[in-house]
Amino acid sequence: MNSRFAYFYFMKNEPEKIGGSVGSHVAYWKELELIGYTGAPFADKSGGLITFKAEDLAEAEKIVSDDPFVRSGLIERKWIKEWLVE
C-alpha cells in the first residue's frame, strides 16, 4: 500500500539560479506521474509544498533527492513527512 507524503521545501536566496532551474523542477515532478501528486510554490516564492504517494519513506526520500532543485543545491531547508490525510 502506498502512503501519502508531504514535502515542504524552502529555497536559498539565489533568484537567478532558481529561475534557471524552475522548468526542470516542474518537468521532473510531472514526468514522474506519481499517484496523488499535487504541488505548487508558496505565494511569496520562498519555497513550495508537494504531496504524493510512495511505498515508504525511503522511496519518498529518493524521489525528493532527484529533484533538480535539490541536485542543484538550491534548497535551504526541507522536510518530508508521511501524511495521514486519507
N, C-alpha and C. Protein backbone atom coordinates (compact mmCIF):
# COMPACT_ATOMS: atom_id res chain seq x y z
N MET A 1 0.84 -1.19 0.00
CA MET A 1 0.00 0.00 0.00
C MET A 1 0.88 1.25 0.00
N ASN A 2 0.49 2.21 -0.78
CA ASN A 2 1.23 3.47 -0.83
C ASN A 2 0.81 4.40 0.30
N SER A 3 1.76 5.11 0.85
CA SER A 3 1.49 6.14 1.85
C SER A 3 1.59 7.49 1.18
N ARG A 4 0.89 8.47 1.71
CA ARG A 4 0.97 9.82 1.17
C ARG A 4 2.05 10.58 1.95
N PHE A 5 2.83 11.36 1.22
CA PHE A 5 3.89 12.17 1.82
C PHE A 5 3.72 13.63 1.46
N ALA A 6 4.13 14.48 2.39
CA ALA A 6 4.16 15.92 2.16
C ALA A 6 5.63 16.34 2.18
N TYR A 7 6.01 17.05 1.15
CA TYR A 7 7.38 17.54 1.00
C TYR A 7 7.33 19.07 1.03
N PHE A 8 7.82 19.64 2.13
CA PHE A 8 7.92 21.09 2.28
C PHE A 8 9.35 21.50 1.98
N TYR A 9 9.52 22.54 1.19
CA TYR A 9 10.89 22.99 0.92
C TYR A 9 10.95 24.51 0.87
N PHE A 10 12.09 25.03 1.31
CA PHE A 10 12.34 26.47 1.31
C PHE A 10 13.63 26.72 0.55
N MET A 11 13.58 27.69 -0.36
CA MET A 11 14.68 27.97 -1.27
C MET A 11 15.75 28.86 -0.64
N LYS A 12 16.96 28.72 -1.14
CA LYS A 12 18.02 29.66 -0.82
C LYS A 12 17.71 30.97 -1.55
N ASN A 13 18.32 32.05 -1.13
CA ASN A 13 18.09 33.35 -1.76
C ASN A 13 19.02 33.50 -2.97
N GLU A 14 18.72 32.74 -4.02
CA GLU A 14 19.50 32.77 -5.25
C GLU A 14 18.55 32.81 -6.43
N PRO A 15 17.82 33.95 -6.60
CA PRO A 15 16.75 34.00 -7.60
C PRO A 15 17.18 33.68 -9.03
N GLU A 16 18.35 34.09 -9.45
CA GLU A 16 18.77 33.80 -10.83
C GLU A 16 18.98 32.31 -11.05
N LYS A 17 19.64 31.64 -10.10
CA LYS A 17 19.85 30.20 -10.22
C LYS A 17 18.52 29.44 -10.14
N ILE A 18 17.66 29.89 -9.25
CA ILE A 18 16.35 29.25 -9.11
C ILE A 18 15.57 29.39 -10.40
N GLY A 19 15.54 30.60 -10.95
CA GLY A 19 14.83 30.84 -12.20
C GLY A 19 15.30 29.93 -13.32
N GLY A 20 16.58 29.64 -13.35
CA GLY A 20 17.13 28.77 -14.37
C GLY A 20 16.80 27.30 -14.16
N SER A 21 16.32 26.94 -12.97
CA SER A 21 16.02 25.54 -12.66
C SER A 21 14.54 25.24 -12.54
N VAL A 22 13.70 26.26 -12.58
CA VAL A 22 12.26 26.04 -12.38
C VAL A 22 11.69 25.08 -13.41
N GLY A 23 12.03 25.27 -14.67
CA GLY A 23 11.49 24.41 -15.73
C GLY A 23 11.81 22.95 -15.52
N SER A 24 13.06 22.65 -15.16
CA SER A 24 13.44 21.25 -14.96
C SER A 24 12.81 20.68 -13.68
N HIS A 25 12.63 21.51 -12.67
CA HIS A 25 11.96 21.09 -11.43
C HIS A 25 10.51 20.70 -11.73
N VAL A 26 9.79 21.57 -12.43
CA VAL A 26 8.39 21.30 -12.76
C VAL A 26 8.28 20.06 -13.65
N ALA A 27 9.13 19.98 -14.67
CA ALA A 27 9.10 18.82 -15.58
C ALA A 27 9.39 17.52 -14.83
N TYR A 28 10.35 17.54 -13.93
CA TYR A 28 10.71 16.35 -13.17
C TYR A 28 9.49 15.79 -12.44
N TRP A 29 8.79 16.63 -11.70
CA TRP A 29 7.67 16.17 -10.90
C TRP A 29 6.51 15.71 -11.78
N LYS A 30 6.25 16.40 -12.88
CA LYS A 30 5.16 15.99 -13.77
C LYS A 30 5.48 14.68 -14.47
N GLU A 31 6.72 14.50 -14.89
CA GLU A 31 7.12 13.29 -15.62
C GLU A 31 7.06 12.04 -14.75
N LEU A 32 7.17 12.19 -13.45
CA LEU A 32 7.10 11.03 -12.55
C LEU A 32 5.71 10.38 -12.56
N GLU A 33 4.68 11.17 -12.84
CA GLU A 33 3.30 10.69 -12.85
C GLU A 33 2.97 9.92 -11.57
N LEU A 34 3.34 10.52 -10.44
CA LEU A 34 3.10 9.91 -9.14
C LEU A 34 1.62 9.92 -8.78
N ILE A 35 1.17 8.86 -8.16
CA ILE A 35 -0.21 8.80 -7.67
C ILE A 35 -0.37 9.87 -6.58
N GLY A 36 -1.45 10.62 -6.64
CA GLY A 36 -1.74 11.61 -5.61
C GLY A 36 -0.89 12.86 -5.67
N TYR A 37 -0.17 13.06 -6.78
CA TYR A 37 0.71 14.23 -6.88
C TYR A 37 -0.09 15.52 -6.96
N THR A 38 0.32 16.48 -6.18
CA THR A 38 -0.10 17.86 -6.31
C THR A 38 1.04 18.70 -5.77
N GLY A 39 1.27 19.83 -6.37
CA GLY A 39 2.37 20.67 -5.91
C GLY A 39 2.29 22.06 -6.48
N ALA A 40 2.84 23.00 -5.74
CA ALA A 40 2.86 24.40 -6.18
C ALA A 40 3.77 25.20 -5.25
N PRO A 41 4.24 26.34 -5.76
CA PRO A 41 5.06 27.20 -4.91
C PRO A 41 4.19 27.97 -3.92
N PHE A 42 4.81 28.44 -2.85
CA PHE A 42 4.14 29.36 -1.94
C PHE A 42 3.97 30.70 -2.66
N ALA A 43 2.99 31.49 -2.26
CA ALA A 43 2.69 32.76 -2.93
C ALA A 43 3.89 33.70 -2.94
N ASP A 44 4.71 33.65 -1.88
CA ASP A 44 5.87 34.54 -1.82
C ASP A 44 7.11 33.97 -2.50
N LYS A 45 6.96 32.80 -3.12
CA LYS A 45 8.03 32.12 -3.87
C LYS A 45 9.22 31.71 -3.00
N SER A 46 9.01 31.61 -1.69
CA SER A 46 10.09 31.21 -0.79
C SER A 46 10.34 29.71 -0.80
N GLY A 47 9.44 28.97 -1.40
CA GLY A 47 9.54 27.51 -1.45
C GLY A 47 8.25 26.95 -1.96
N GLY A 48 7.93 25.73 -1.54
CA GLY A 48 6.70 25.12 -2.01
C GLY A 48 6.32 23.89 -1.21
N LEU A 49 5.21 23.31 -1.62
CA LEU A 49 4.68 22.11 -0.99
C LEU A 49 4.29 21.14 -2.10
N ILE A 50 4.73 19.90 -1.97
CA ILE A 50 4.38 18.84 -2.91
C ILE A 50 3.86 17.66 -2.10
N THR A 51 2.76 17.08 -2.54
CA THR A 51 2.27 15.86 -1.91
C THR A 51 2.22 14.76 -2.97
N PHE A 52 2.47 13.54 -2.55
CA PHE A 52 2.48 12.41 -3.48
C PHE A 52 2.45 11.12 -2.68
N LYS A 53 2.18 10.02 -3.38
CA LYS A 53 2.20 8.72 -2.73
C LYS A 53 3.48 7.97 -3.11
N ALA A 54 3.99 7.21 -2.15
CA ALA A 54 5.18 6.38 -2.34
C ALA A 54 5.03 5.16 -1.45
N GLU A 55 5.82 4.13 -1.74
CA GLU A 55 5.75 2.89 -0.95
C GLU A 55 6.11 3.12 0.52
N ASP A 56 7.14 3.93 0.74
CA ASP A 56 7.61 4.16 2.11
C ASP A 56 8.48 5.42 2.13
N LEU A 57 8.96 5.78 3.31
CA LEU A 57 9.76 6.98 3.46
C LEU A 57 11.04 6.92 2.63
N ALA A 58 11.66 5.76 2.56
CA ALA A 58 12.90 5.63 1.77
C ALA A 58 12.65 5.96 0.30
N GLU A 59 11.54 5.48 -0.26
CA GLU A 59 11.23 5.80 -1.65
C GLU A 59 10.92 7.29 -1.81
N ALA A 60 10.18 7.86 -0.86
CA ALA A 60 9.86 9.29 -0.92
C ALA A 60 11.14 10.12 -0.88
N GLU A 61 12.07 9.76 -0.01
CA GLU A 61 13.35 10.49 0.08
C GLU A 61 14.15 10.37 -1.21
N LYS A 62 14.12 9.22 -1.85
CA LYS A 62 14.82 9.03 -3.13
C LYS A 62 14.22 9.93 -4.20
N ILE A 63 12.90 9.98 -4.26
CA ILE A 63 12.22 10.84 -5.23
C ILE A 63 12.63 12.29 -5.02
N VAL A 64 12.60 12.75 -3.78
CA VAL A 64 12.96 14.14 -3.46
C VAL A 64 14.43 14.41 -3.78
N SER A 65 15.30 13.45 -3.51
CA SER A 65 16.73 13.66 -3.72
C SER A 65 17.07 13.88 -5.20
N ASP A 66 16.21 13.42 -6.09
CA ASP A 66 16.44 13.60 -7.53
C ASP A 66 15.81 14.87 -8.08
N ASP A 67 15.12 15.63 -7.24
CA ASP A 67 14.53 16.91 -7.65
C ASP A 67 15.66 17.83 -8.13
N PRO A 68 15.53 18.45 -9.29
CA PRO A 68 16.58 19.36 -9.78
C PRO A 68 16.93 20.48 -8.80
N PHE A 69 15.98 20.98 -8.03
CA PHE A 69 16.30 21.99 -7.02
C PHE A 69 17.27 21.42 -5.98
N VAL A 70 17.03 20.19 -5.56
CA VAL A 70 17.90 19.54 -4.56
C VAL A 70 19.27 19.27 -5.17
N ARG A 71 19.30 18.68 -6.37
CA ARG A 71 20.57 18.36 -7.02
C ARG A 71 21.42 19.60 -7.30
N SER A 72 20.76 20.73 -7.50
CA SER A 72 21.48 21.98 -7.78
C SER A 72 21.87 22.74 -6.51
N GLY A 73 21.52 22.20 -5.34
CA GLY A 73 21.88 22.85 -4.08
C GLY A 73 21.11 24.13 -3.81
N LEU A 74 19.87 24.22 -4.29
CA LEU A 74 19.09 25.45 -4.15
C LEU A 74 18.12 25.43 -2.96
N ILE A 75 18.08 24.32 -2.25
CA ILE A 75 17.16 24.19 -1.11
C ILE A 75 17.87 24.57 0.19
N GLU A 76 17.27 25.50 0.92
CA GLU A 76 17.79 25.91 2.23
C GLU A 76 17.39 24.90 3.31
N ARG A 77 16.09 24.56 3.33
CA ARG A 77 15.55 23.59 4.31
C ARG A 77 14.47 22.78 3.62
N LYS A 78 14.34 21.52 4.06
CA LYS A 78 13.26 20.68 3.53
C LYS A 78 12.85 19.65 4.57
N TRP A 79 11.61 19.22 4.46
CA TRP A 79 11.07 18.18 5.31
C TRP A 79 10.22 17.27 4.46
N ILE A 80 10.29 15.99 4.75
CA ILE A 80 9.41 15.01 4.14
C ILE A 80 8.70 14.31 5.30
N LYS A 81 7.40 14.36 5.28
CA LYS A 81 6.62 13.76 6.35
C LYS A 81 5.53 12.88 5.77
N GLU A 82 5.33 11.70 6.38
CA GLU A 82 4.17 10.89 6.00
C GLU A 82 2.93 11.62 6.48
N TRP A 83 1.93 11.67 5.61
CA TRP A 83 0.75 12.48 5.88
C TRP A 83 -0.47 11.57 5.91
N LEU A 84 -1.14 11.51 7.03
CA LEU A 84 -2.29 10.61 7.21
C LEU A 84 -3.58 11.32 6.86
N VAL A 85 -3.68 11.80 5.63
CA VAL A 85 -4.82 12.59 5.19
C VAL A 85 -6.00 11.71 4.77
N GLU A 86 -5.76 10.48 4.39
CA GLU A 86 -6.84 9.64 3.86
C GLU A 86 -7.35 8.69 4.89
